[in-house]
Amino acid sequence: MEMPTPDAAVLAKKPRLVERLTAVLPEDAVIHAEREIKAYECDALTAYKCPPLCAVLPASTEEVAAVLKICHEMEVPVVPRGSGTSLAGGALPTADSVILGVARMNDVLETNYDDRYIRVQTGRTNLSVTGAVEEHNFFYAPDPSSQLACAIAGNIAMNSGGAHCLKYGVTTNNLLGVTMVQMDGTVVEIGGAHLDAAGYDLLGLICGSEGQLGVVTEATLRILHKPEGARPVLMGFDSNEVAGACVSDIIKAGVLPVAIEFMDRPVIRATEAFAGAGYPDCEALLIVEVEGSDAEIDEQLGLILQIARRHNPVELRESTSAEESARIWLGRKSAFGAMGQINDYMCLDGTIPVSSLPMVLGRIGELSKQYGLDVGNVFHAGDGNMHPLILFDANKEGDLELCEAMGADILKLCVEAGGCLTGEHGVGIEKRDLMVAQFTPEDLEVQMKVKDVFDPKWLLNPAKVFPLAASETRRAA
């Protein structure tokens, strides 16, 4: 995948750039030695690497503003970085850019239980937001699989979801306000602690913008009371298509579980070898969890089990204890690590209408045979957020390119089924040249005009989201 080559004039600016950055940041917050910047040459899409000019680690909004002002004046591109867990290359640098990491910005700034919000610096990890409020019986709902490590900054950039997004929504449904620094160093406040802001929905524009419009340094997040209780049920089926049909029927029945998770045989086998969760020997399984009072849980699960039995399940296992619930979830939470022990893989995240699950799963199986690459399916089935894991050998010449071609076909399939290219990972570099499969040239032009307003020089997170030729033309204008 092509990345822009370093501009000789920009490379010549590096000594002066480092000098100016060191004047506004502590010395250890400016990383520029060649051996040290290698830590920032990629994110979780490790197939692609590119060392930046340097990296900076500011600790406050004021320091972020100072950094961006310098880079704007010197026309040096900036790549915002949370924890580097992006699977779409969202934090991949270009050779002429500065990585701006928010890892040092991890404080809780305000907590208000009466109005149910928390304000944090965006370098704080997802799971630690719940950790800050759980002793008061509150939690933060979005729960990406990487929640132990991923930062709120990245969650906002990619509009991340998680297993429980079916009931509680994704990041945009739980974000109340942000402090954002624009590329020229201007600090703006958008939204706030109230439920909805007046005027245009700028907060909705910022959430999911992939660091293209500004650097979000502080966030006001909605926190919720923990439910009275929760209970999962595990269902095994003879085929992916039957499991997909069961999901569709559950949603059509009007039941709203807190989560519906899907795993197929390759993933089941891998997680059993890795975690020993005690899953059944079947082609596909679902984990469906509901929450509320005991009476509410019994009523909801009763209907869900009734629907499942129509599809002749291999096994139905309703949890009877906290320990059993933990074991049911153990394999699902271990899935990505377990698959990584088998082989290199590319994780996709196209989204489709739930009713299309049987058809799309069947077609993915056909593409697997066509390309000769194994696929494991594990995903948030309730909202149709697919996560096919395409297995390949990174050390085998041509395998990565074959994997990318198959991935492109799967994502195009999602669009053809009435879905979209990304549910929560973002476009990054992974899908930038596939944007034409979903959007017309006129659609893309409107989106790029929005970036023109916020970042006229196109210095923020270059070479991402939009087809490379289009964004480089914009940047050179």
Protein backbone atom coordinates (compact mmCIF):
# COMPACT_ATOMS: atom_id res chain seq x y z
CA MET A 1 0.00 0.00 0.00
CA GLU A 2 1.50 3.28 -1.09
CA MET A 3 2.34 5.98 1.48
CA PRO A 4 3.48 9.51 0.57
CA THR A 5 7.27 9.84 0.45
CA PRO A 6 9.00 12.41 2.65
CA ASP A 7 9.31 15.88 1.24
CA ALA A 8 12.97 16.92 1.19
CA ALA A 9 12.11 20.46 2.27
CA VAL A 10 10.20 19.14 5.29
CA LEU A 11 13.02 16.77 6.24
CA ALA A 12 15.36 19.73 6.20
CA LYS A 13 13.09 21.41 8.76
CA LYS A 14 13.52 18.64 11.34
CA PRO A 15 16.32 20.25 13.43
CA ARG A 16 14.41 23.52 13.70
CA LEU A 17 11.13 21.65 14.31
CA VAL A 18 12.63 19.64 17.18
CA GLU A 19 14.15 22.82 18.61
CA ARG A 20 10.79 24.62 18.61
CA LEU A 21 8.88 21.63 20.01
CA THR A 22 11.42 21.21 22.81
CA ALA A 23 10.89 24.86 23.73
CA VAL A 24 7.19 24.28 24.51
CA LEU A 25 7.33 20.71 25.89
CA PRO A 26 9.45 18.93 28.49
CA GLU A 27 12.55 17.40 26.92
CA ASP A 28 11.35 13.83 27.44
CA ALA A 29 8.09 14.64 25.65
CA VAL A 30 9.83 15.14 22.29
CA ILE A 31 11.03 11.87 20.78
CA HIS A 32 13.21 12.22 17.70
CA ALA A 33 16.14 9.78 17.88
CA GLU A 34 15.86 7.19 15.09
CA ARG A 35 15.93 4.20 17.46
CA GLU A 36 13.18 5.71 19.63
CA ILE A 37 10.70 6.78 16.96
CA LYS A 38 10.48 3.21 15.66
CA ALA A 39 7.95 2.60 18.47
CA TYR A 40 5.58 4.92 16.60
CA GLU A 41 6.07 3.61 13.05
CA CYS A 42 2.81 1.62 13.02
CA ASP A 43 -0.36 0.87 14.93
CA ALA A 44 -2.21 -2.45 15.25
CA LEU A 45 -2.32 -2.77 11.45
CA THR A 46 1.28 -3.96 11.64
CA ALA A 47 1.57 -4.94 7.98
CA TYR A 48 2.46 -1.31 7.24
CA LYS A 49 5.21 0.72 8.86
CA CYS A 50 6.60 4.20 8.32
CA PRO A 51 8.77 6.06 10.88
CA PRO A 52 7.63 9.67 11.48
CA LEU A 53 9.86 12.71 11.70
CA CYS A 54 9.35 12.68 15.45
CA ALA A 55 6.75 12.06 18.15
CA VAL A 56 5.47 14.33 20.91
CA LEU A 57 3.67 13.45 24.14
CA PRO A 58 1.91 16.54 25.47
CA ALA A 59 0.20 16.44 28.87
CA SER A 60 -2.47 19.12 28.50
CA THR A 61 -4.73 20.91 26.04
CA GLU A 62 -2.42 23.91 26.21
CA GLU A 63 0.60 21.82 25.21
CA VAL A 64 -1.36 20.24 22.33
CA ALA A 65 -2.30 23.73 21.12
CA ALA A 66 1.33 24.85 21.24
CA VAL A 67 2.46 21.80 19.24
CA LEU A 68 -0.21 22.22 16.57
CA LYS A 69 0.49 25.93 16.21
CA ILE A 70 4.17 25.22 15.53
CA CYS A 71 3.41 22.46 13.03
CA HIS A 72 0.83 24.65 11.30
CA GLU A 73 3.30 27.50 10.94
CA MET A 74 5.98 25.14 9.59
CA GLU A 75 3.44 23.21 7.44
CA VAL A 76 4.35 19.87 9.03
CA PRO A 77 1.62 17.19 9.00
CA VAL A 78 0.41 15.82 12.35
CA VAL A 79 -0.92 12.31 13.05
CA PRO A 80 -2.97 12.10 16.30
CA ARG A 81 -2.46 8.84 18.21
CA GLY A 82 -4.37 7.35 21.13
CA SER A 83 -3.07 3.96 22.26
CA GLY A 84 -2.16 2.73 18.78
CA THR A 85 -4.77 -0.06 18.75
CA SER A 86 -6.24 0.97 15.37
CA LEU A 87 -6.81 -2.00 13.07
CA ALA A 88 -7.29 0.25 10.04
CA GLY A 89 -3.98 2.12 10.11
CA GLY A 90 -5.65 5.16 11.62
CA ALA A 91 -2.46 6.22 13.43
CA LEU A 92 0.05 5.21 10.74
CA PRO A 93 2.45 8.11 10.20
CA THR A 94 3.81 9.50 6.98
CA ALA A 95 7.57 10.04 6.78
CA ASP A 96 7.15 13.83 6.92
CA SER A 97 4.77 13.89 9.90
CA VAL A 98 4.80 14.38 13.65
CA ILE A 99 3.01 11.80 15.79
CA LEU A 100 1.01 13.52 18.53
CA GLY A 101 0.30 10.96 21.24
CA VAL A 102 -2.14 11.63 24.08
CA ALA A 103 -0.97 8.83 26.39
CA ARG A 104 0.12 11.27 29.12
CA MET A 105 -3.29 12.93 29.13
CA ASN A 106 -5.16 10.44 31.32
CA ASP A 107 -6.67 12.39 34.21
CA VAL A 108 -10.28 12.39 35.41
CA LEU A 109 -11.22 16.08 35.41
CA GLU A 110 -14.76 15.97 36.82
CA THR A 111 -17.34 13.41 37.93
CA ASN A 112 -21.02 14.23 38.40
CA TYR A 113 -23.27 11.38 39.53
CA ASP A 114 -26.41 13.51 39.80
CA ASP A 115 -26.25 14.48 36.13
CA ARG A 116 -24.55 11.21 35.14
CA TYR A 117 -21.40 12.33 33.37
CA ILE A 118 -17.64 12.17 33.68
CA ARG A 119 -15.10 14.50 32.06
CA VAL A 120 -11.71 12.99 31.25
CA GLN A 121 -8.57 13.69 29.29
CA THR A 122 -8.74 11.57 26.18
CA GLY A 123 -5.58 9.56 26.75
CA ARG A 124 -7.47 7.68 29.46
CA THR A 125 -8.22 4.08 28.55
CA ASN A 126 -11.77 2.96 27.90
CA LEU A 127 -11.96 0.45 30.74
CA SER A 128 -10.46 2.85 33.28
CA VAL A 129 -13.42 5.22 32.76
CA THR A 130 -15.69 2.56 34.25
CA GLY A 131 -12.99 1.93 36.85
CA ALA A 132 -13.29 5.53 37.99
CA VAL A 133 -17.03 5.32 38.68
CA GLU A 134 -17.87 1.68 39.42
CA GLU A 135 -17.62 2.03 43.21
CA HIS A 136 -20.66 4.30 42.91
CA ASN A 137 -22.45 1.61 40.86
CA PHE A 138 -21.99 3.39 37.51
CA PHE A 139 -20.32 2.33 34.26
CA TYR A 140 -19.34 3.64 30.82
CA ALA A 141 -21.20 1.62 28.20
CA PRO A 142 -19.05 1.40 25.01
CA ASP A 143 -16.80 -1.66 25.38
CA PRO A 144 -14.50 -2.36 22.41
CA SER A 145 -12.60 -5.66 22.55
CA SER A 146 -9.43 -3.62 23.12
CA GLN A 147 -11.01 -1.67 26.01
CA LEU A 148 -8.19 -2.56 28.41
CA ALA A 149 -5.75 -0.64 26.21
CA CYS A 150 -7.60 1.62 23.77
CA ALA A 151 -7.87 5.34 24.54
CA ILE A 152 -10.98 7.48 24.59
CA ALA A 153 -9.30 9.66 21.95
CA GLY A 154 -9.26 6.76 19.50
CA ASN A 155 -12.78 5.68 20.49
CA ILE A 156 -14.03 9.16 19.55
CA ALA A 157 -11.98 9.26 16.35
CA MET A 158 -13.38 5.92 15.12
CA ASN A 159 -16.80 6.04 16.84
CA SER A 160 -16.00 2.71 18.51
CA GLY A 161 -18.65 0.30 19.72
CA GLY A 162 -18.30 -3.09 21.40
CA ALA A 163 -20.27 -6.14 22.42
CA HIS A 164 -22.92 -4.15 24.30
CA CYS A 165 -23.59 -1.53 21.61
CA LEU A 166 -26.83 -3.25 20.58
CA LYS A 167 -28.54 -1.85 23.67
CA TYR A 168 -26.37 1.11 24.66
CA GLY A 169 -25.16 2.40 21.31
CA VAL A 170 -21.65 3.28 20.21
CA THR A 171 -19.39 6.17 21.25
CA THR A 172 -21.49 8.88 19.59
CA ASN A 173 -24.49 7.81 21.70
CA ASN A 174 -22.46 8.24 24.90
CA LEU A 175 -20.47 11.37 24.09
CA LEU A 176 -21.79 14.68 25.43
CA GLY A 177 -19.01 17.15 24.74
CA VAL A 178 -15.38 17.62 23.70
CA THR A 179 -12.53 20.05 23.94
CA MET A 180 -10.80 20.05 20.56
CA VAL A 181 -7.70 21.77 19.25
CA GLN A 182 -7.73 22.76 15.60
CA MET A 183 -4.67 22.50 13.39
CA ASP A 184 -3.76 26.18 13.86
CA GLY A 185 -3.80 25.79 17.66
CA THR A 186 -7.28 27.22 18.24
CA VAL A 187 -9.08 25.53 21.16
CA VAL A 188 -12.83 25.01 20.78
CA GLU A 189 -15.51 23.60 23.10
CA ILE A 190 -18.28 21.56 21.49
CA GLY A 191 -21.28 20.22 23.41
CA GLY A 192 -21.04 19.95 27.19
CA ALA A 193 -22.55 18.23 30.19
CA HIS A 194 -26.12 18.65 28.98
CA LEU A 195 -28.01 16.06 26.97
CA ASP A 196 -28.09 17.95 23.68
CA ALA A 197 -26.41 21.10 22.38
CA ALA A 198 -28.08 23.90 20.47
CA GLY A 199 -27.31 24.59 16.82
CA TYR A 200 -25.68 22.28 14.32
CA ASP A 201 -24.65 18.83 15.54
CA LEU A 202 -20.92 19.51 15.41
CA LEU A 203 -20.34 16.83 18.02
CA GLY A 204 -21.80 14.27 15.62
CA LEU A 205 -19.41 15.57 12.97
CA ILE A 206 -16.35 15.25 15.20
CA CYS A 207 -17.15 11.75 16.49
CA GLY A 208 -15.96 9.33 13.83
CA SER A 209 -13.92 11.93 11.90
CA GLU A 210 -10.68 9.92 12.40
CA GLY A 211 -8.51 12.83 13.53
CA GLN A 212 -9.13 14.69 10.28
CA LEU A 213 -10.72 17.79 11.81
CA GLY A 214 -8.88 18.36 15.10
CA VAL A 215 -7.27 16.76 18.14
CA VAL A 216 -9.77 15.96 20.90
CA THR A 217 -8.05 16.47 24.25
CA GLU A 218 -10.95 16.28 26.74
CA ALA A 219 -14.29 14.49 26.60
CA THR A 220 -17.50 14.60 28.60
CA LEU A 221 -18.97 11.09 28.64
CA ARG A 222 -22.35 9.74 29.69
CA ILE A 223 -22.20 7.28 32.60
CA LEU A 224 -25.04 4.92 33.49
CA HIS A 225 -26.30 3.05 36.53
CA LYS A 226 -25.29 -0.57 36.47
CA PRO A 227 -28.24 -2.88 35.74
CA GLU A 228 -29.70 -5.03 38.52
CA GLY A 229 -28.36 -8.14 36.87
CA ALA A 230 -27.36 -9.78 33.60
CA ARG A 231 -27.48 -13.34 32.29
CA PRO A 232 -26.08 -14.86 29.07
CA VAL A 233 -27.23 -17.91 27.18
CA LEU A 234 -24.99 -19.89 24.81
CA MET A 235 -26.48 -21.43 21.66
CA GLY A 236 -24.76 -23.88 19.30
CA PHE A 237 -25.89 -24.43 15.69
CA ASP A 238 -25.09 -26.70 12.75
CA SER A 239 -24.21 -23.88 10.33
CA ASN A 240 -23.29 -20.20 10.13
CA GLU A 241 -26.39 -19.53 8.06
CA VAL A 242 -28.73 -21.06 10.68
CA ALA A 243 -27.08 -19.04 13.45
CA GLY A 244 -27.45 -15.90 11.33
CA ALA A 245 -31.12 -16.65 10.75
CA CYS A 246 -31.63 -17.05 14.50
CA VAL A 247 -30.12 -13.60 15.09
CA SER A 248 -32.42 -12.10 12.48
CA ASP A 249 -35.47 -13.72 14.11
CA ILE A 250 -34.51 -12.47 17.59
CA ILE A 251 -34.25 -8.89 16.33
CA LYS A 252 -37.50 -9.19 14.35
CA ALA A 253 -39.29 -10.35 17.52
CA GLY A 254 -38.63 -6.97 19.11
CA VAL A 255 -36.43 -8.29 21.92
CA LEU A 256 -33.49 -6.04 22.82
CA PRO A 257 -30.65 -8.08 24.32
CA VAL A 258 -27.68 -6.18 25.63
CA ALA A 259 -25.45 -8.25 23.32
CA ILE A 260 -25.60 -10.90 20.60
CA GLU A 261 -22.14 -12.25 19.74
CA PHE A 262 -21.31 -14.73 16.95
CA MET A 263 -18.41 -17.19 16.59
CA ASP A 264 -17.90 -19.84 13.91
CA ARG A 265 -16.07 -23.20 14.05
CA PRO A 266 -12.51 -21.95 13.35
CA VAL A 267 -12.84 -19.35 16.10
CA ILE A 268 -14.52 -21.81 18.50
CA ARG A 269 -11.65 -24.29 18.05
CA ALA A 270 -9.00 -21.61 18.51
CA THR A 271 -10.57 -20.18 21.65
CA GLU A 272 -11.06 -23.64 23.16
CA ALA A 273 -7.38 -24.43 22.67
CA PHE A 274 -6.46 -21.01 24.05
CA ALA A 275 -8.89 -20.47 26.92
CA GLY A 276 -10.78 -23.74 27.49
CA ALA A 277 -14.16 -22.08 27.96
CA GLY A 278 -16.05 -25.34 27.42
CA TYR A 279 -17.81 -24.42 24.20
CA PRO A 280 -19.79 -27.12 22.31
CA ASP A 281 -18.50 -28.86 19.18
CA CYS A 282 -20.58 -27.07 16.54
CA GLU A 283 -20.32 -25.00 13.39
CA ALA A 284 -21.43 -21.72 14.96
CA LEU A 285 -22.47 -20.37 18.33
CA LEU A 286 -24.21 -17.31 19.66
CA ILE A 287 -23.83 -15.65 23.04
CA VAL A 288 -26.98 -13.69 23.83
CA GLU A 289 -27.09 -11.64 27.03
CA VAL A 290 -30.02 -9.80 28.58
CA GLU A 291 -30.15 -7.68 31.70
CA GLY A 292 -32.57 -6.19 34.22
CA SER A 293 -34.42 -7.64 37.19
CA ASP A 294 -34.71 -11.43 37.57
CA ALA A 295 -38.29 -11.26 36.26
CA GLU A 296 -37.27 -9.19 33.23
CA ILE A 297 -34.38 -11.52 32.47
CA ASP A 298 -36.56 -14.62 32.74
CA GLU A 299 -39.18 -13.13 30.41
CA GLN A 300 -36.66 -12.02 27.77
CA LEU A 301 -34.64 -15.22 27.83
CA GLY A 302 -37.82 -17.28 27.66
CA LEU A 303 -38.74 -15.67 24.35
CA ILE A 304 -35.17 -15.86 23.01
CA LEU A 305 -34.89 -19.57 23.86
CA GLN A 306 -38.25 -20.21 22.22
CA ILE A 307 -36.95 -18.58 19.01
CA ALA A 308 -33.66 -20.49 19.19
CA ARG A 309 -35.41 -23.87 19.46
CA ARG A 310 -37.08 -23.28 16.09
CA HIS A 311 -33.60 -23.46 14.55
CA ASN A 312 -32.76 -26.91 16.02
CA PRO A 313 -29.77 -25.88 18.14
CA VAL A 314 -27.01 -28.34 18.94
CA GLU A 315 -26.89 -26.95 22.46
CA LEU A 316 -28.65 -24.34 24.63
CA ARG A 317 -26.87 -23.37 27.82
CA GLU A 318 -28.36 -20.73 30.11
CA SER A 319 -26.04 -19.41 32.81
CA THR A 320 -26.99 -20.22 36.39
CA SER A 321 -24.16 -18.39 38.19
CA ALA A 322 -21.65 -15.57 37.90
CA GLU A 323 -18.91 -18.14 37.36
CA GLU A 324 -20.77 -19.77 34.49
CA SER A 325 -21.46 -16.37 32.92
CA ALA A 326 -17.75 -15.57 33.06
CA ARG A 327 -16.93 -18.87 31.32
CA ILE A 328 -19.48 -18.25 28.58
CA TRP A 329 -17.87 -14.88 27.88
CA LEU A 330 -14.28 -16.11 28.34
CA GLY A 331 -13.91 -17.55 24.85
CA ARG A 332 -15.46 -14.54 23.12
CA LYS A 333 -13.20 -12.12 24.97
CA SER A 334 -10.18 -14.29 24.11
CA ALA A 335 -11.05 -14.75 20.44
CA PHE A 336 -8.74 -12.25 18.79
CA GLY A 337 -5.72 -13.29 20.83
CA ALA A 338 -6.51 -16.96 20.23
CA MET A 339 -6.69 -16.49 16.46
CA GLY A 340 -3.40 -14.59 16.54
CA GLN A 341 -1.69 -17.72 17.88
CA ILE A 342 -2.74 -19.64 14.77
CA ASN A 343 -1.61 -17.26 12.05
CA ASP A 344 -1.37 -13.68 10.89
CA TYR A 345 -4.80 -12.27 10.16
CA MET A 346 -6.58 -9.21 8.85
CA CYS A 347 -9.66 -8.19 10.82
CA LEU A 348 -12.42 -6.48 8.84
CA ASP A 349 -15.44 -4.61 10.18
CA GLY A 350 -18.03 -4.12 7.48
CA THR A 351 -21.60 -3.65 8.67
CA ILE A 352 -24.75 -5.15 7.11
CA PRO A 353 -28.50 -5.28 7.78
CA VAL A 354 -29.15 -8.11 10.26
CA SER A 355 -31.55 -9.80 7.84
CA SER A 356 -28.64 -10.23 5.38
CA LEU A 357 -26.48 -12.24 7.81
CA PRO A 358 -27.25 -15.70 6.35
CA MET A 359 -26.54 -14.58 2.79
CA VAL A 360 -23.35 -12.69 3.63
CA LEU A 361 -21.95 -15.48 5.80
CA GLY A 362 -22.57 -17.94 2.99
CA ARG A 363 -20.86 -15.69 0.47
CA ILE A 364 -17.84 -15.20 2.77
CA GLY A 365 -17.49 -18.98 2.84
CA GLU A 366 -17.48 -19.04 -0.96
CA LEU A 367 -14.84 -16.29 -1.11
CA SER A 368 -12.69 -18.26 1.34
CA LYS A 369 -12.66 -21.21 -1.07
CA GLN A 370 -12.12 -18.94 -4.08
CA TYR A 371 -9.05 -17.25 -2.59
CA GLY A 372 -7.73 -20.30 -0.74
CA LEU A 373 -7.54 -18.40 2.55
CA ASP A 374 -9.23 -19.54 5.76
CA VAL A 375 -11.64 -17.17 7.49
CA GLY A 376 -12.81 -17.05 11.09
CA ASN A 377 -15.99 -15.12 11.87
CA VAL A 378 -16.46 -13.45 15.24
CA PHE A 379 -18.58 -10.35 15.52
CA HIS A 380 -21.36 -8.26 17.06
CA ALA A 381 -24.25 -10.02 15.35
CA GLY A 382 -27.02 -7.95 16.93
CA ASP A 383 -26.14 -4.82 14.98
CA GLY A 384 -24.70 -6.59 11.94
CA ASN A 385 -21.11 -5.47 12.61
CA MET A 386 -19.08 -8.18 10.85
CA HIS A 387 -15.51 -9.09 11.89
CA PRO A 388 -14.22 -11.69 9.43
CA LEU A 389 -10.64 -12.65 10.31
CA ILE A 390 -8.79 -13.57 7.09
CA LEU A 391 -5.82 -15.81 7.89
CA PHE A 392 -2.63 -15.39 5.86
CA ASP A 393 1.14 -15.83 6.14
CA ALA A 394 2.93 -12.49 6.34
CA ASN A 395 6.21 -14.23 5.45
CA LYS A 396 4.82 -15.77 2.26
CA GLU A 397 5.28 -13.59 -0.81
CA GLY A 398 1.97 -12.45 -2.25
CA ASP A 399 -0.15 -13.65 0.67
CA LEU A 400 -0.76 -10.16 2.08
CA GLU A 401 -1.89 -8.86 -1.31
CA LEU A 402 -4.18 -11.88 -1.73
CA CYS A 403 -5.63 -11.23 1.72
CA GLU A 404 -6.23 -7.56 0.88
CA ALA A 405 -8.00 -8.49 -2.36
CA MET A 406 -10.28 -10.89 -0.53
CA GLY A 407 -10.93 -8.31 2.17
CA ALA A 408 -11.90 -5.76 -0.47
CA ASP A 409 -14.39 -8.22 -1.95
CA ILE A 410 -15.94 -8.86 1.47
CA LEU A 411 -16.30 -5.15 2.19
CA LYS A 412 -17.83 -4.55 -1.24
CA LEU A 413 -20.24 -7.39 -0.45
CA CYS A 414 -21.26 -5.58 2.74
CA VAL A 415 -22.02 -2.42 0.77
CA GLU A 416 -23.96 -4.41 -1.85
CA ALA A 417 -26.03 -5.97 0.94
CA GLY A 418 -27.12 -2.51 2.06
CA GLY A 419 -24.44 -1.98 4.71
CA CYS A 420 -21.24 0.04 4.87
CA LEU A 421 -17.46 -0.31 4.81
CA THR A 422 -16.82 0.16 8.51
CA GLY A 423 -18.75 -0.23 11.73
CA GLU A 424 -16.17 0.82 14.33
CA HIS A 425 -12.58 0.39 13.11
CA GLY A 426 -12.72 3.38 10.79
CA VAL A 427 -11.45 3.85 7.24
CA GLY A 428 -7.82 4.78 7.96
CA ILE A 429 -5.56 3.58 5.16
CA GLU A 430 -7.18 0.13 5.02
CA LYS A 431 -10.36 1.21 3.26
CA ARG A 432 -9.50 4.64 1.84
CA ASP A 433 -9.40 3.45 -1.76
CA LEU A 434 -12.62 1.46 -1.25
CA MET A 435 -14.56 4.61 -0.42
CA VAL A 436 -15.54 4.82 -4.09
CA ALA A 437 -17.45 1.54 -3.64
CA GLN A 438 -19.84 3.28 -1.25
CA PHE A 439 -19.73 6.97 -2.19
CA THR A 440 -20.08 8.81 -5.48
CA PRO A 441 -17.46 11.41 -6.47
CA GLU A 442 -20.00 14.08 -5.46
CA ASP A 443 -20.42 12.48 -2.01
CA LEU A 444 -16.66 12.42 -1.46
CA GLU A 445 -16.30 16.00 -2.63
CA VAL A 446 -18.80 17.18 -0.02
CA GLN A 447 -16.94 15.27 2.71
CA MET A 448 -13.60 16.74 1.62
CA LYS A 449 -15.08 20.25 1.66
CA VAL A 450 -15.88 19.71 5.35
CA LYS A 451 -12.21 18.95 5.98
CA ASP A 452 -11.29 22.06 3.97
CA VAL A 453 -13.15 24.15 6.56
CA PHE A 454 -11.45 22.65 9.62
CA ASP A 455 -8.02 21.95 8.12
CA PRO A 456 -7.46 24.05 4.96
CA LYS A 457 -3.85 22.91 4.52
CA TRP A 458 -4.78 19.23 4.94
CA LEU A 459 -2.10 18.69 7.57
CA LEU A 460 -4.11 16.57 10.02
CA ASN A 461 -3.78 12.78 9.70
CA PRO A 462 -2.68 12.79 6.05
CA ALA A 463 -3.21 9.93 3.58
CA LYS A 464 -6.23 8.57 5.47
CA VAL A 465 -9.98 8.20 4.84
CA PHE A 466 -10.13 9.62 1.32
CA PRO A 467 -8.65 7.98 -1.81
CA LEU A 468 -4.94 8.79 -1.75
CA ALA A 469 -4.81 10.63 -5.07
CA ALA A 470 -7.69 12.90 -4.05
CA SER A 471 -6.29 13.77 -0.62
CA GLU A 472 -2.77 14.38 -1.93
CA THR A 473 -4.17 16.70 -4.61
CA ARG A 474 -6.05 18.59 -1.89
CA ARG A 475 -2.95 18.81 0.28
CA ALA A 476 -0.84 20.16 -2.58
CA ALA A 477 -3.39 22.81 -3.59
